[in-house]
Structures are given as C-alpha cells and as structure tokens.
Amino acid sequence: MAARPPSPPPAASPAPTRAATGGSVGAGSGWRVQLGSFPAAEQVNTQWDRLKKSYAELQPLDLTTVRVDLGDKGVWYRLQVGPLNEPGARSLCEELKAKKRDCLVVRP
C-alpha cells in the first residue's frame, strides 16, 4: 500500500463543519474514528466498502488501516477514518452511535 502524503496543518482551533452528506467533518488534525478491528487486512477494505454504503457521513473521509501486534492474540488491523479535528471526530462517533454503530475516537 502506498504511503499518503501528509495533510496540511490545520488552522488554529478549527470548528467542525457539516459535509453536504450530513457527516461531521472538521479540518483534519489527525483525529480519527475507529470502526472496527479485524484479523486480516482484506477484511478492513471489505468492511469499509460496506460502511460507506450504509453511512453517508463516512463517504467524504479517508480510510486508514493500522496494523497492531497483540502478542498472543496475533496481528489485527484497525479500520479508522479521518482525518478530523477533535470536535468533528467526537460528533461523528456520536452520530454513528445514535444509529447503533459502535466506534471509538482515536487521538493523533
């Protein structure tokens, strides 16, 4: 997978904005929302495609796959989306939870 170029630095304390799709999106500062963790990297892409179809607020966001070695539990791959500012990430996660979708806000 090719590395993505770094995002430009955010403006000081940006407020979250509303995307046309209804999702909470703020100027990217590295905050992300985690939507799942899977034992195979291929599962991340499959689940991401499903989630984008089910939740319009995710469509303007970028997927980040984070590889994590959990020792005896093996290697897992976390599905995270962003970049968002902190208020945007918290707002998005609240919207998803209201729709019965579990998520976690992940700090940069």
PDB file of N, CA and C in Angstrom:
ATOM      1  N   MET A   1       0.845  -1.161   0.000  1.00  0.00           N
ATOM      2  CA  MET A   1       0.000   0.000   0.000  1.00  0.00           C
ATOM      3  C   MET A   1       0.897   1.233   0.000  1.00  0.00           C
ATOM      4  N   ALA A   2       0.650   2.178  -0.864  1.00  0.00           N
ATOM      5  CA  ALA A   2       1.480   3.369  -0.995  1.00  0.00           C
ATOM      6  C   ALA A   2       1.202   4.324   0.158  1.00  0.00           C
ATOM      7  N   ALA A   3       2.224   5.001   0.611  1.00  0.00           N
ATOM      8  CA  ALA A   3       2.065   5.983   1.681  1.00  0.00           C
ATOM      9  C   ALA A   3       1.358   7.217   1.141  1.00  0.00           C
ATOM     10  N   ARG A   4       0.521   7.792   1.973  1.00  0.00           N
ATOM     11  CA  ARG A   4      -0.195   9.010   1.586  1.00  0.00           C
ATOM     12  C   ARG A   4       0.644  10.223   1.959  1.00  0.00           C
ATOM     13  N   PRO A   5       0.568  11.282   1.165  1.00  0.00           N
ATOM     14  CA  PRO A   5       1.294  12.499   1.534  1.00  0.00           C
ATOM     15  C   PRO A   5       0.674  13.100   2.793  1.00  0.00           C
ATOM     16  N   PRO A   6       1.454  13.771   3.619  1.00  0.00           N
ATOM     17  CA  PRO A   6       0.909  14.347   4.849  1.00  0.00           C
ATOM     18  C   PRO A   6      -0.124  15.426   4.544  1.00  0.00           C
ATOM     19  N   SER A   7      -1.095  15.540   5.453  1.00  0.00           N
ATOM     20  CA  SER A   7      -2.124  16.566   5.320  1.00  0.00           C
ATOM     21  C   SER A   7      -1.540  17.910   5.706  1.00  0.00           C
ATOM     22  N   PRO A   8      -2.051  18.999   5.126  1.00  0.00           N
ATOM     23  CA  PRO A   8      -1.570  20.327   5.535  1.00  0.00           C
ATOM     24  C   PRO A   8      -1.968  20.587   6.982  1.00  0.00           C
ATOM     25  N   PRO A   9      -1.205  21.384   7.706  1.00  0.00           N
ATOM     26  CA  PRO A   9      -1.549  21.656   9.099  1.00  0.00           C
ATOM     27  C   PRO A   9      -2.874  22.397   9.194  1.00  0.00           C
ATOM     28  N   PRO A  10      -3.665  22.109  10.250  1.00  0.00           N
ATOM     29  CA  PRO A  10      -4.966  22.757  10.400  1.00  0.00           C
ATOM     30  C   PRO A  10      -4.822  24.194  10.901  1.00  0.00           C
ATOM     31  N   ALA A  11      -5.870  24.962  10.703  1.00  0.00           N
ATOM     32  CA  ALA A  11      -5.926  26.308  11.263  1.00  0.00           C
ATOM     33  C   ALA A  11      -6.069  26.177  12.774  1.00  0.00           C
ATOM     34  N   ALA A  12      -5.754  27.210  13.514  1.00  0.00           N
ATOM     35  CA  ALA A  12      -5.843  27.157  14.964  1.00  0.00           C
ATOM     36  C   ALA A  12      -7.278  26.937  15.415  1.00  0.00           C
ATOM     37  N   SER A  13      -7.485  25.932  16.243  1.00  0.00           N
ATOM     38  CA  SER A  13      -8.781  25.590  16.823  1.00  0.00           C
ATOM     39  C   SER A  13      -9.933  25.647  15.827  1.00  0.00           C
ATOM     40  N   PRO A  14      -9.891  24.857  14.750  1.00  0.00           N
ATOM     41  CA  PRO A  14     -10.990  24.912  13.790  1.00  0.00           C
ATOM     42  C   PRO A  14     -12.257  24.308  14.362  1.00  0.00           C
ATOM     43  N   ALA A  15     -13.378  24.877  14.000  1.00  0.00           N
ATOM     44  CA  ALA A  15     -14.669  24.344  14.431  1.00  0.00           C
ATOM     45  C   ALA A  15     -15.104  23.273  13.448  1.00  0.00           C
ATOM     46  N   PRO A  16     -15.841  22.255  13.923  1.00  0.00           N
ATOM     47  CA  PRO A  16     -16.313  21.237  12.992  1.00  0.00           C
ATOM     48  C   PRO A  16     -17.286  21.844  12.003  1.00  0.00           C
ATOM     49  N   THR A  17     -17.296  21.296  10.815  1.00  0.00           N
ATOM     50  CA  THR A  17     -18.230  21.766   9.801  1.00  0.00           C
ATOM     51  C   THR A  17     -19.074  20.597   9.340  1.00  0.00           C
ATOM     52  N   ARG A  18     -20.164  20.858   8.684  1.00  0.00           N
ATOM     53  CA  ARG A  18     -21.049  19.835   8.176  1.00  0.00           C
ATOM     54  C   ARG A  18     -20.759  19.592   6.710  1.00  0.00           C
ATOM     55  N   ALA A  19     -20.523  18.355   6.357  1.00  0.00           N
ATOM     56  CA  ALA A  19     -20.357  17.999   4.954  1.00  0.00           C
ATOM     57  C   ALA A  19     -21.737  17.960   4.309  1.00  0.00           C
ATOM     58  N   ALA A  20     -21.774  18.069   3.003  1.00  0.00           N
ATOM     59  CA  ALA A  20     -23.039  18.039   2.280  1.00  0.00           C
ATOM     60  C   ALA A  20     -23.789  16.739   2.513  1.00  0.00           C
ATOM     61  N   THR A  21     -23.069  15.657   2.837  1.00  0.00           N
ATOM     62  CA  THR A  21     -23.708  14.364   3.064  1.00  0.00           C
ATOM     63  C   THR A  21     -24.307  14.264   4.457  1.00  0.00           C
ATOM     64  N   GLY A  22     -24.073  15.248   5.325  1.00  0.00           N
ATOM     65  CA  GLY A  22     -24.618  15.203   6.672  1.00  0.00           C
ATOM     66  C   GLY A  22     -23.617  14.727   7.704  1.00  0.00           C
ATOM     67  N   GLY A  23     -22.418  14.346   7.325  1.00  0.00           N
ATOM     68  CA  GLY A  23     -21.431  13.870   8.278  1.00  0.00           C
ATOM     69  C   GLY A  23     -20.727  15.019   8.965  1.00  0.00           C
ATOM     70  N   SER A  24     -20.249  14.778  10.166  1.00  0.00           N
ATOM     71  CA  SER A  24     -19.487  15.789  10.885  1.00  0.00           C
ATOM     72  C   SER A  24     -18.040  15.699  10.459  1.00  0.00           C
ATOM     73  N   VAL A  25     -17.583  16.691   9.776  1.00  0.00           N
ATOM     74  CA  VAL A  25     -16.214  16.689   9.283  1.00  0.00           C
ATOM     75  C   VAL A  25     -15.575  18.001   9.680  1.00  0.00           C
ATOM     76  N   GLY A  26     -14.401  17.938  10.257  1.00  0.00           N
ATOM     77  CA  GLY A  26     -13.686  19.152  10.607  1.00  0.00           C
ATOM     78  C   GLY A  26     -12.370  19.185   9.867  1.00  0.00           C
ATOM     79  N   ALA A  27     -11.701  20.309   9.937  1.00  0.00           N
ATOM     80  CA  ALA A  27     -10.388  20.412   9.312  1.00  0.00           C
ATOM     81  C   ALA A  27      -9.489  19.356   9.930  1.00  0.00           C
ATOM     82  N   GLY A  28      -8.820  18.585   9.121  1.00  0.00           N
ATOM     83  CA  GLY A  28      -8.052  17.445   9.600  1.00  0.00           C
ATOM     84  C   GLY A  28      -6.887  17.831  10.483  1.00  0.00           C
ATOM     85  N   SER A  29      -6.824  17.224  11.655  1.00  0.00           N
ATOM     86  CA  SER A  29      -5.685  17.423  12.530  1.00  0.00           C
ATOM     87  C   SER A  29      -5.160  16.092  13.023  1.00  0.00           C
ATOM     88  N   GLY A  30      -5.587  15.004  12.387  1.00  0.00           N
ATOM     89  CA  GLY A  30      -5.066  13.709  12.757  1.00  0.00           C
ATOM     90  C   GLY A  30      -5.987  12.869  13.616  1.00  0.00           C
ATOM     91  N   TRP A  31      -7.056  13.446  14.150  1.00  0.00           N
ATOM     92  CA  TRP A  31      -8.007  12.652  14.915  1.00  0.00           C
ATOM     93  C   TRP A  31      -8.726  11.719  13.951  1.00  0.00           C
ATOM     94  N   ARG A  32      -9.053  10.516  14.436  1.00  0.00           N
ATOM     95  CA  ARG A  32      -9.764   9.549  13.612  1.00  0.00           C
ATOM     96  C   ARG A  32     -10.849   8.876  14.430  1.00  0.00           C
ATOM     97  N   VAL A  33     -11.740   8.189  13.723  1.00  0.00           N
ATOM     98  CA  VAL A  33     -12.782   7.389  14.350  1.00  0.00           C
ATOM     99  C   VAL A  33     -12.530   5.948  13.948  1.00  0.00           C
ATOM    100  N   GLN A  34     -12.408   5.076  14.954  1.00  0.00           N
ATOM    101  CA  GLN A  34     -12.186   3.655  14.691  1.00  0.00           C
ATOM    102  C   GLN A  34     -13.529   2.947  14.628  1.00  0.00           C
ATOM    103  N   LEU A  35     -13.713   2.155  13.562  1.00  0.00           N
ATOM    104  CA  LEU A  35     -14.990   1.493  13.321  1.00  0.00           C
ATOM    105  C   LEU A  35     -14.914  -0.023  13.420  1.00  0.00           C
ATOM    106  N   GLY A  36     -13.734  -0.556  13.675  1.00  0.00           N
ATOM    107  CA  GLY A  36     -13.608  -1.998  13.817  1.00  0.00           C
ATOM    108  C   GLY A  36     -12.164  -2.431  13.836  1.00  0.00           C
ATOM    109  N   SER A  37     -11.964  -3.713  14.162  1.00  0.00           N
ATOM    110  CA  SER A  37     -10.647  -4.325  14.186  1.00  0.00           C
ATOM    111  C   SER A  37     -10.801  -5.748  13.670  1.00  0.00           C
ATOM    112  N   PHE A  38      -9.897  -6.165  12.789  1.00  0.00           N
ATOM    113  CA  PHE A  38     -10.056  -7.428  12.079  1.00  0.00           C
ATOM    114  C   PHE A  38      -8.745  -8.201  12.041  1.00  0.00           C
ATOM    115  N   PRO A  39      -8.825  -9.537  12.010  1.00  0.00           N
ATOM    116  CA  PRO A  39      -7.608 -10.347  11.980  1.00  0.00           C
ATOM    117  C   PRO A  39      -6.935 -10.419  10.611  1.00  0.00           C
ATOM    118  N   ALA A  40      -7.583  -9.913   9.576  1.00  0.00           N
ATOM    119  CA  ALA A  40      -6.995  -9.922   8.229  1.00  0.00           C
ATOM    120  C   ALA A  40      -7.167  -8.554   7.581  1.00  0.00           C
ATOM    121  N   ALA A  41      -6.119  -8.056   6.930  1.00  0.00           N
ATOM    122  CA  ALA A  41      -6.146  -6.738   6.303  1.00  0.00           C
ATOM    123  C   ALA A  41      -7.242  -6.641   5.240  1.00  0.00           C
ATOM    124  N   GLU A  42      -7.503  -7.738   4.523  1.00  0.00           N
ATOM    125  CA  GLU A  42      -8.520  -7.713   3.467  1.00  0.00           C
ATOM    126  C   GLU A  42      -9.904  -7.408   4.042  1.00  0.00           C
ATOM    127  N   GLN A  43     -10.135  -7.828   5.286  1.00  0.00           N
ATOM    128  CA  GLN A  43     -11.435  -7.593   5.919  1.00  0.00           C
ATOM    129  C   GLN A  43     -11.686  -6.100   6.139  1.00  0.00           C
ATOM    130  N   VAL A  44     -10.626  -5.353   6.361  1.00  0.00           N
ATOM    131  CA  VAL A  44     -10.778  -3.908   6.561  1.00  0.00           C
ATOM    132  C   VAL A  44     -11.376  -3.271   5.312  1.00  0.00           C
ATOM    133  N   ASN A  45     -10.823  -3.577   4.155  1.00  0.00           N
ATOM    134  CA  ASN A  45     -11.322  -2.982   2.912  1.00  0.00           C
ATOM    135  C   ASN A  45     -12.755  -3.411   2.609  1.00  0.00           C
ATOM    136  N   THR A  46     -13.074  -4.672   2.840  1.00  0.00           N
ATOM    137  CA  THR A  46     -14.431  -5.166   2.608  1.00  0.00           C
ATOM    138  C   THR A  46     -15.421  -4.459   3.521  1.00  0.00           C
ATOM    139  N   GLN A  47     -15.070  -4.351   4.799  1.00  0.00           N
ATOM    140  CA  GLN A  47     -15.967  -3.692   5.756  1.00  0.00           C
ATOM    141  C   GLN A  47     -16.094  -2.201   5.446  1.00  0.00           C
ATOM    142  N   TRP A  48     -15.006  -1.556   5.033  1.00  0.00           N
ATOM    143  CA  TRP A  48     -15.038  -0.127   4.694  1.00  0.00           C
ATOM    144  C   TRP A  48     -16.017   0.119   3.548  1.00  0.00           C
ATOM    145  N   ASP A  49     -15.974  -0.727   2.528  1.00  0.00           N
ATOM    146  CA  ASP A  49     -16.907  -0.582   1.411  1.00  0.00           C
ATOM    147  C   ASP A  49     -18.359  -0.692   1.891  1.00  0.00           C
ATOM    148  N   ARG A  50     -18.624  -1.621   2.785  1.00  0.00           N
ATOM    149  CA  ARG A  50     -19.983  -1.793   3.331  1.00  0.00           C
ATOM    150  C   ARG A  50     -20.410  -0.580   4.157  1.00  0.00           C
ATOM    151  N   LEU A  51     -19.501  -0.111   5.004  1.00  0.00           N
ATOM    152  CA  LEU A  51     -19.830   1.013   5.874  1.00  0.00           C
ATOM    153  C   LEU A  51     -20.122   2.280   5.080  1.00  0.00           C
ATOM    154  N   LYS A  52     -19.346   2.540   4.036  1.00  0.00           N
ATOM    155  CA  LYS A  52     -19.583   3.742   3.223  1.00  0.00           C
ATOM    156  C   LYS A  52     -20.963   3.704   2.576  1.00  0.00           C
ATOM    157  N   LYS A  53     -21.421   2.518   2.209  1.00  0.00           N
ATOM    158  CA  LYS A  53     -22.747   2.392   1.603  1.00  0.00           C
ATOM    159  C   LYS A  53     -23.858   2.581   2.635  1.00  0.00           C
ATOM    160  N   SER A  54     -23.587   2.183   3.880  1.00  0.00           N
ATOM    161  CA  SER A  54     -24.599   2.250   4.935  1.00  0.00           C
ATOM    162  C   SER A  54     -24.667   3.602   5.645  1.00  0.00           C
ATOM    163  N   TYR A  55     -23.554   4.324   5.682  1.00  0.00           N
ATOM    164  CA  TYR A  55     -23.473   5.580   6.435  1.00  0.00           C
ATOM    165  C   TYR A  55     -22.899   6.678   5.536  1.00  0.00           C
ATOM    166  N   ALA A  56     -23.772   7.515   5.024  1.00  0.00           N
ATOM    167  CA  ALA A  56     -23.354   8.570   4.092  1.00  0.00           C
ATOM    168  C   ALA A  56     -22.334   9.521   4.716  1.00  0.00           C
ATOM    169  N   GLU A  57     -22.380   9.710   6.016  1.00  0.00           N
ATOM    170  CA  GLU A  57     -21.455  10.631   6.673  1.00  0.00           C
ATOM    171  C   GLU A  57     -20.004  10.151   6.612  1.00  0.00           C
ATOM    172  N   LEU A  58     -19.778   8.888   6.259  1.00  0.00           N
ATOM    173  CA  LEU A  58     -18.418   8.367   6.138  1.00  0.00           C
ATOM    174  C   LEU A  58     -17.811   8.594   4.758  1.00  0.00           C
ATOM    175  N   GLN A  59     -18.623   8.850   3.767  1.00  0.00           N
ATOM    176  CA  GLN A  59     -18.151   8.921   2.388  1.00  0.00           C
ATOM    177  C   GLN A  59     -17.062   9.960   2.129  1.00  0.00           C
ATOM    178  N   PRO A  60     -17.080  11.140   2.765  1.00  0.00           N
ATOM    179  CA  PRO A  60     -16.004  12.103   2.469  1.00  0.00           C
ATOM    180  C   PRO A  60     -14.690  11.812   3.198  1.00  0.00           C
ATOM    181  N   LEU A  61     -14.660  10.784   4.037  1.00  0.00           N
ATOM    182  CA  LEU A  61     -13.486  10.511   4.853  1.00  0.00           C
ATOM    183  C   LEU A  61     -12.547   9.508   4.194  1.00  0.00           C
ATOM    184  N   ASP A  62     -11.297   9.518   4.641  1.00  0.00           N
ATOM    185  CA  ASP A  62     -10.287   8.600   4.139  1.00  0.00           C
ATOM    186  C   ASP A  62     -10.107   7.440   5.106  1.00  0.00           C
ATOM    187  N   LEU A  63      -9.866   6.268   4.563  1.00  0.00           N
ATOM    188  CA  LEU A  63      -9.591   5.069   5.345  1.00  0.00           C
ATOM    189  C   LEU A  63      -8.120   5.032   5.750  1.00  0.00           C
ATOM    190  N   THR A  64      -7.881   4.673   7.007  1.00  0.00           N
ATOM    191  CA  THR A  64      -6.543   4.388   7.491  1.00  0.00           C
ATOM    192  C   THR A  64      -6.590   3.005   8.120  1.00  0.00           C
ATOM    193  N   THR A  65      -5.697   2.125   7.697  1.00  0.00           N
ATOM    194  CA  THR A  65      -5.587   0.794   8.283  1.00  0.00           C
ATOM    195  C   THR A  65      -4.368   0.788   9.194  1.00  0.00           C
ATOM    196  N   VAL A  66      -4.583   0.449  10.457  1.00  0.00           N
ATOM    197  CA  VAL A  66      -3.497   0.452  11.438  1.00  0.00           C
ATOM    198  C   VAL A  66      -3.219  -0.994  11.845  1.00  0.00           C
ATOM    199  N   ARG A  67      -2.001  -1.453  11.588  1.00  0.00           N
ATOM    200  CA  ARG A  67      -1.580  -2.810  11.947  1.00  0.00           C
ATOM    201  C   ARG A  67      -1.129  -2.797  13.400  1.00  0.00           C
ATOM    202  N   VAL A  68      -1.652  -3.740  14.203  1.00  0.00           N
ATOM    203  CA  VAL A  68      -1.326  -3.803  15.620  1.00  0.00           C
ATOM    204  C   VAL A  68      -0.983  -5.242  15.984  1.00  0.00           C
ATOM    205  N   ASP A  69       0.194  -5.447  16.562  1.00  0.00           N
ATOM    206  CA  ASP A  69       0.598  -6.773  17.023  1.00  0.00           C
ATOM    207  C   ASP A  69       0.154  -6.913  18.475  1.00  0.00           C
ATOM    208  N   LEU A  70      -0.780  -7.814  18.727  1.00  0.00           N
ATOM    209  CA  LEU A  70      -1.331  -8.006  20.062  1.00  0.00           C
ATOM    210  C   LEU A  70      -0.726  -9.221  20.769  1.00  0.00           C
ATOM    211  N   GLY A  71       0.489  -9.564  20.395  1.00  0.00           N
ATOM    212  CA  GLY A  71       1.192 -10.664  21.055  1.00  0.00           C
ATOM    213  C   GLY A  71       0.494 -11.993  20.832  1.00  0.00           C
ATOM    214  N   ASP A  72       0.045 -12.632  21.927  1.00  0.00           N
ATOM    215  CA  ASP A  72      -0.595 -13.946  21.845  1.00  0.00           C
ATOM    216  C   ASP A  72      -1.878 -13.931  21.018  1.00  0.00           C
ATOM    217  N   LYS A  73      -2.513 -12.794  20.904  1.00  0.00           N
ATOM    218  CA  LYS A  73      -3.756 -12.693  20.117  1.00  0.00           C
ATOM    219  C   LYS A  73      -3.483 -12.534  18.628  1.00  0.00           C
ATOM    220  N   GLY A  74      -2.233 -12.297  18.269  1.00  0.00           N
ATOM    221  CA  GLY A  74      -1.857 -12.163  16.866  1.00  0.00           C
ATOM    222  C   GLY A  74      -1.884 -10.728  16.384  1.00  0.00           C
ATOM    223  N   VAL A  75      -1.761 -10.577  15.080  1.00  0.00           N
ATOM    224  CA  VAL A  75      -1.781  -9.258  14.438  1.00  0.00           C
ATOM    225  C   VAL A  75      -3.214  -8.950  14.015  1.00  0.00           C
ATOM    226  N   TRP A  76      -3.668  -7.746  14.344  1.00  0.00           N
ATOM    227  CA  TRP A  76      -5.007  -7.278  13.964  1.00  0.00           C
ATOM    228  C   TRP A  76      -4.862  -5.987  13.189  1.00  0.00           C
ATOM    229  N   TYR A  77      -5.885  -5.650  12.427  1.00  0.00           N
ATOM    230  CA  TYR A  77      -5.894  -4.453  11.587  1.00  0.00           C
ATOM    231  C   TYR A  77      -7.098  -3.603  11.965  1.00  0.00           C
ATOM    232  N   ARG A  78      -6.822  -2.381  12.360  1.00  0.00           N
ATOM    233  CA  ARG A  78      -7.880  -1.469  12.806  1.00  0.00           C
ATOM    234  C   ARG A  78      -8.353  -0.603  11.649  1.00  0.00           C
ATOM    235  N   LEU A  79      -9.659  -0.504  11.510  1.00  0.00           N
ATOM    236  CA  LEU A  79     -10.283   0.329  10.483  1.00  0.00           C
ATOM    237  C   LEU A  79     -10.564   1.688  11.119  1.00  0.00           C
ATOM    238  N   GLN A  80      -9.845   2.706  10.665  1.00  0.00           N
ATOM    239  CA  GLN A  80     -10.025   4.058  11.178  1.00  0.00           C
ATOM    240  C   GLN A  80     -10.272   5.002  10.014  1.00  0.00           C
ATOM    241  N   VAL A  81     -11.083   6.040  10.266  1.00  0.00           N
ATOM    242  CA  VAL A  81     -11.389   7.024   9.229  1.00  0.00           C
ATOM    243  C   VAL A  81     -11.089   8.420   9.742  1.00  0.00           C
ATOM    244  N   GLY A  82     -10.785   9.316   8.803  1.00  0.00           N
ATOM    245  CA  GLY A  82     -10.458  10.690   9.138  1.00  0.00           C
ATOM    246  C   GLY A  82      -9.809  11.329   7.929  1.00  0.00           C
ATOM    247  N   PRO A  83      -8.981  12.327   8.082  1.00  0.00           N
ATOM    248  CA  PRO A  83      -8.645  12.984   9.337  1.00  0.00           C
ATOM    249  C   PRO A  83      -9.721  13.976   9.750  1.00  0.00           C
ATOM    250  N   LEU A  84      -9.845  14.148  11.040  1.00  0.00           N
ATOM    251  CA  LEU A  84     -10.830  15.065  11.621  1.00  0.00           C
ATOM    252  C   LEU A  84     -10.163  15.888  12.710  1.00  0.00           C
ATOM    253  N   ASN A  85     -10.826  16.966  13.102  1.00  0.00           N
ATOM    254  CA  ASN A  85     -10.385  17.641  14.312  1.00  0.00           C
ATOM    255  C   ASN A  85     -11.109  16.951  15.470  1.00  0.00           C
ATOM    256  N   GLU A  86     -10.731  17.249  16.687  1.00  0.00           N
ATOM    257  CA  GLU A  86     -11.317  16.555  17.837  1.00  0.00           C
ATOM    258  C   GLU A  86     -12.838  16.699  17.915  1.00  0.00           C
ATOM    259  N   PRO A  87     -13.398  17.911  17.819  1.00  0.00           N
ATOM    260  CA  PRO A  87     -14.858  18.017  17.883  1.00  0.00           C
ATOM    261  C   PRO A  87     -15.551  17.272  16.739  1.00  0.00           C
ATOM    262  N   GLY A  88     -14.956  17.283  15.556  1.00  0.00           N
ATOM    263  CA  GLY A  88     -15.536  16.581  14.419  1.00  0.00           C
ATOM    264  C   GLY A  88     -15.556  15.079  14.633  1.00  0.00           C
ATOM    265  N   ALA A  89     -14.459  14.538  15.189  1.00  0.00           N
ATOM    266  CA  ALA A  89     -14.379  13.097  15.454  1.00  0.00           C
ATOM    267  C   ALA A  89     -15.396  12.697  16.512  1.00  0.00           C
ATOM    268  N   ARG A  90     -15.503  13.481  17.567  1.00  0.00           N
ATOM    269  CA  ARG A  90     -16.467  13.162  18.636  1.00  0.00           C
ATOM    270  C   ARG A  90     -17.906  13.251  18.123  1.00  0.00           C
ATOM    271  N   SER A  91     -18.183  14.249  17.319  1.00  0.00           N
ATOM    272  CA  SER A  91     -19.521  14.415  16.762  1.00  0.00           C
ATOM    273  C   SER A  91     -19.880  13.255  15.830  1.00  0.00           C
ATOM    274  N   LEU A  92     -18.947  12.869  14.969  1.00  0.00           N
ATOM    275  CA  LEU A  92     -19.187  11.757  14.052  1.00  0.00           C
ATOM    276  C   LEU A  92     -19.469  10.484  14.833  1.00  0.00           C
ATOM    277  N   CYS A  93     -18.671  10.205  15.847  1.00  0.00           N
ATOM    278  CA  CYS A  93     -18.861   8.990  16.625  1.00  0.00           C
ATOM    279  C   CYS A  93     -20.225   9.015  17.335  1.00  0.00           C
ATOM    280  N   GLU A  94     -20.629  10.161  17.851  1.00  0.00           N
ATOM    281  CA  GLU A  94     -21.946  10.282  18.487  1.00  0.00           C
ATOM    282  C   GLU A  94     -23.061  10.006  17.480  1.00  0.00           C
ATOM    283  N   GLU A  95     -22.924  10.545  16.256  1.00  0.00           N
ATOM    284  CA  GLU A  95     -23.924  10.301  15.212  1.00  0.00           C
ATOM    285  C   GLU A  95     -24.023   8.817  14.885  1.00  0.00           C
ATOM    286  N   LEU A  96     -22.863   8.160  14.776  1.00  0.00           N
ATOM    287  CA  LEU A  96     -22.849   6.734  14.455  1.00  0.00           C
ATOM    288  C   LEU A  96     -23.438   5.903  15.592  1.00  0.00           C
ATOM    289  N   LYS A  97     -23.106   6.256  16.834  1.00  0.00           N
ATOM    290  CA  LYS A  97     -23.661   5.539  17.986  1.00  0.00           C
ATOM    291  C   LYS A  97     -25.175   5.689  18.044  1.00  0.00           C
ATOM    292  N   ALA A  98     -25.681   6.860  17.662  1.00  0.00           N
ATOM    293  CA  ALA A  98     -27.130   7.075  17.629  1.00  0.00           C
ATOM    294  C   ALA A  98     -27.803   6.154  16.605  1.00  0.00           C
ATOM    295  N   LYS A  99     -27.011   5.712  15.618  1.00  0.00           N
ATOM    296  CA  LYS A  99     -27.509   4.790  14.590  1.00  0.00           C
ATOM    297  C   LYS A  99     -27.124   3.348  14.912  1.00  0.00           C
ATOM    298  N   LYS A 100     -26.729   3.098  16.166  1.00  0.00           N
ATOM    299  CA  LYS A 100     -26.388   1.766  16.668  1.00  0.00           C
ATOM    300  C   LYS A 100     -25.094   1.205  16.060  1.00  0.00           C
ATOM    301  N   ARG A 101     -24.163   2.082  15.665  1.00  0.00           N
ATOM    302  CA  ARG A 101     -22.859   1.673  15.133  1.00  0.00           C
ATOM    303  C   ARG A 101     -21.783   2.017  16.155  1.00  0.00           C
ATOM    304  N   ASP A 102     -21.098   1.005  16.682  1.00  0.00           N
ATOM    305  CA  ASP A 102     -20.029   1.241  17.649  1.00  0.00           C
ATOM    306  C   ASP A 102     -18.841   1.929  17.003  1.00  0.00           C
ATOM    307  N   CYS A 103     -18.158   2.755  17.781  1.00  0.00           N
ATOM    308  CA  CYS A 103     -16.973   3.446  17.288  1.00  0.00           C
ATOM    309  C   CYS A 103     -16.154   3.950  18.478  1.00  0.00           C
ATOM    310  N   LEU A 104     -14.919   4.325  18.193  1.00  0.00           N
ATOM    311  CA  LEU A 104     -14.029   4.916  19.165  1.00  0.00           C
ATOM    312  C   LEU A 104     -13.368   6.140  18.554  1.00  0.00           C
ATOM    313  N   VAL A 105     -13.184   7.183  19.345  1.00  0.00           N
ATOM    314  CA  VAL A 105     -12.435   8.345  18.888  1.00  0.00           C
ATOM    315  C   VAL A 105     -10.961   8.079  19.195  1.00  0.00           C
ATOM    316  N   VAL A 106     -10.120   8.272  18.171  1.00  0.00           N
ATOM    317  CA  VAL A 106      -8.687   7.973  18.294  1.00  0.00           C
ATOM    318  C   VAL A 106      -7.898   9.265  18.176  1.00  0.00           C
ATOM    319  N   ARG A 107      -7.042   9.506  19.177  1.00  0.00           N
ATOM    320  CA  ARG A 107      -6.203  10.703  19.195  1.00  0.00           C
ATOM    321  C   ARG A 107      -5.048  10.558  18.216  1.00  0.00           C
ATOM    322  N   PRO A 108      -4.549  11.706  17.739  1.00  0.00           N
ATOM    323  CA  PRO A 108      -3.374  11.652  16.843  1.00  0.00           C
ATOM    324  C   PRO A 108      -2.125  11.229  17.604  1.00  0.00           C
TER     325      PRO A 108
END
